Amino acid sequence: MYILISVIDRLFDIFYYILLARVLISWFPNIDRTHPIVIFLYRTTEPVLQPVRRILPPGSMIDFSPLIVFLLLPIVKRFVFQLLLLFA
């Protein structure tokens, strides 16, 4: 069980850094959006960000969905660990 929790913990950490990289890339308009790394970052994070965007009210020039995901990520991580420990 410890190995499973450790792997899931690492996956959450990796996703955190992938999301951070995507946010940083969005600040630089001259970055090639067709580069394979940029495409990977967008394809990896978009399934999580898109549902959050649907909840947020439209019309803002700033995309707050990454901020909300950053805030929710530790909560979801803790919830997943609690479930794993409950069924262990």
Protein backbone atom coordinates (compact mmCIF):
# COMPACT_ATOMS: atom_id res chain seq x y z
CA MET A 1 0.00 0.00 0.00
CA TYR A 2 2.91 2.32 0.76
CA ILE A 3 4.21 1.90 -2.79
CA LEU A 4 0.81 2.77 -4.28
CA ILE A 5 0.52 5.89 -2.13
CA SER A 6 4.06 6.89 -3.05
CA VAL A 7 3.37 6.49 -6.78
CA ILE A 8 0.13 8.48 -6.57
CA ASP A 9 1.92 11.17 -4.58
CA ARG A 10 4.56 11.45 -7.31
CA LEU A 11 1.88 11.62 -10.01
CA PHE A 12 0.19 14.51 -8.22
CA ASP A 13 3.58 16.26 -7.93
CA ILE A 14 4.34 15.72 -11.61
CA PHE A 15 0.94 17.09 -12.61
CA TYR A 16 1.56 20.13 -10.39
CA TYR A 17 4.79 20.93 -12.24
CA ILE A 18 3.23 20.29 -15.65
CA LEU A 19 0.44 22.72 -14.77
CA LEU A 20 2.99 25.25 -13.52
CA ALA A 21 4.92 24.95 -16.79
CA ARG A 22 1.74 25.54 -18.76
CA VAL A 23 0.94 28.66 -16.74
CA LEU A 24 4.45 30.02 -17.25
CA ILE A 25 4.32 29.31 -20.98
CA SER A 26 1.04 31.20 -21.27
CA TRP A 27 2.80 34.36 -20.08
CA PHE A 28 5.11 34.37 -23.11
CA PRO A 29 3.20 35.05 -26.34
CA ASN A 30 6.21 34.38 -28.59
CA ILE A 31 6.48 30.70 -27.64
CA ASP A 32 5.70 28.33 -30.50
CA ARG A 33 2.36 26.70 -29.59
CA THR A 34 3.02 23.89 -32.08
CA HIS A 35 6.17 22.68 -30.31
CA PRO A 36 5.72 19.07 -29.10
CA ILE A 37 6.46 19.97 -25.47
CA VAL A 38 3.89 22.76 -25.48
CA ILE A 39 1.33 20.47 -27.09
CA PHE A 40 2.07 17.84 -24.42
CA LEU A 41 1.57 20.41 -21.64
CA TYR A 42 -1.75 21.54 -23.07
CA ARG A 43 -3.04 18.01 -23.74
CA THR A 44 -2.09 16.91 -20.23
CA THR A 45 -3.67 19.81 -18.36
CA GLU A 46 -6.68 20.64 -20.53
CA PRO A 47 -8.87 17.73 -19.30
CA VAL A 48 -8.56 19.13 -15.76
CA LEU A 49 -8.81 22.83 -16.63
CA GLN A 50 -11.77 22.61 -19.02
CA PRO A 51 -14.39 21.55 -16.42
CA VAL A 52 -13.22 24.34 -14.11
CA ARG A 53 -13.54 26.86 -16.95
CA ARG A 54 -17.15 25.78 -17.52
CA ILE A 55 -17.95 26.60 -13.88
CA LEU A 56 -16.30 30.04 -13.92
CA PRO A 57 -18.30 32.96 -15.29
CA PRO A 58 -17.27 33.94 -18.83
CA GLY A 59 -15.99 37.33 -19.86
CA SER A 60 -12.78 37.63 -17.87
CA MET A 61 -9.56 38.36 -19.72
CA ILE A 62 -7.65 36.32 -17.14
CA ASP A 63 -8.04 32.56 -16.96
CA PHE A 64 -8.44 31.71 -13.28
CA SER A 65 -8.88 27.98 -13.86
CA PRO A 66 -5.20 27.11 -13.18
CA LEU A 67 -5.34 29.01 -9.89
CA ILE A 68 -8.43 27.10 -8.82
CA VAL A 69 -6.84 23.79 -9.83
CA PHE A 70 -3.71 24.73 -7.85
CA LEU A 71 -5.93 25.35 -4.82
CA LEU A 72 -7.96 22.15 -5.29
CA LEU A 73 -5.04 19.84 -6.05
CA PRO A 74 -3.90 19.36 -2.41
CA ILE A 75 -7.50 18.81 -1.31
CA VAL A 76 -8.08 16.15 -3.96
CA LYS A 77 -4.73 14.58 -3.14
CA ARG A 78 -5.63 14.33 0.55
CA PHE A 79 -9.07 12.93 -0.31
CA VAL A 80 -7.53 10.24 -2.55
CA PHE A 81 -5.07 9.26 0.18
CA GLN A 82 -7.85 9.07 2.76
CA LEU A 83 -9.83 6.77 0.46
CA LEU A 84 -6.81 4.56 -0.11
CA LEU A 85 -6.14 4.29 3.60
CA LEU A 86 -9.80 3.59 4.28
CA PHE A 87 -9.84 0.60 1.95
CA ALA A 88 -6.38 -0.67 2.91
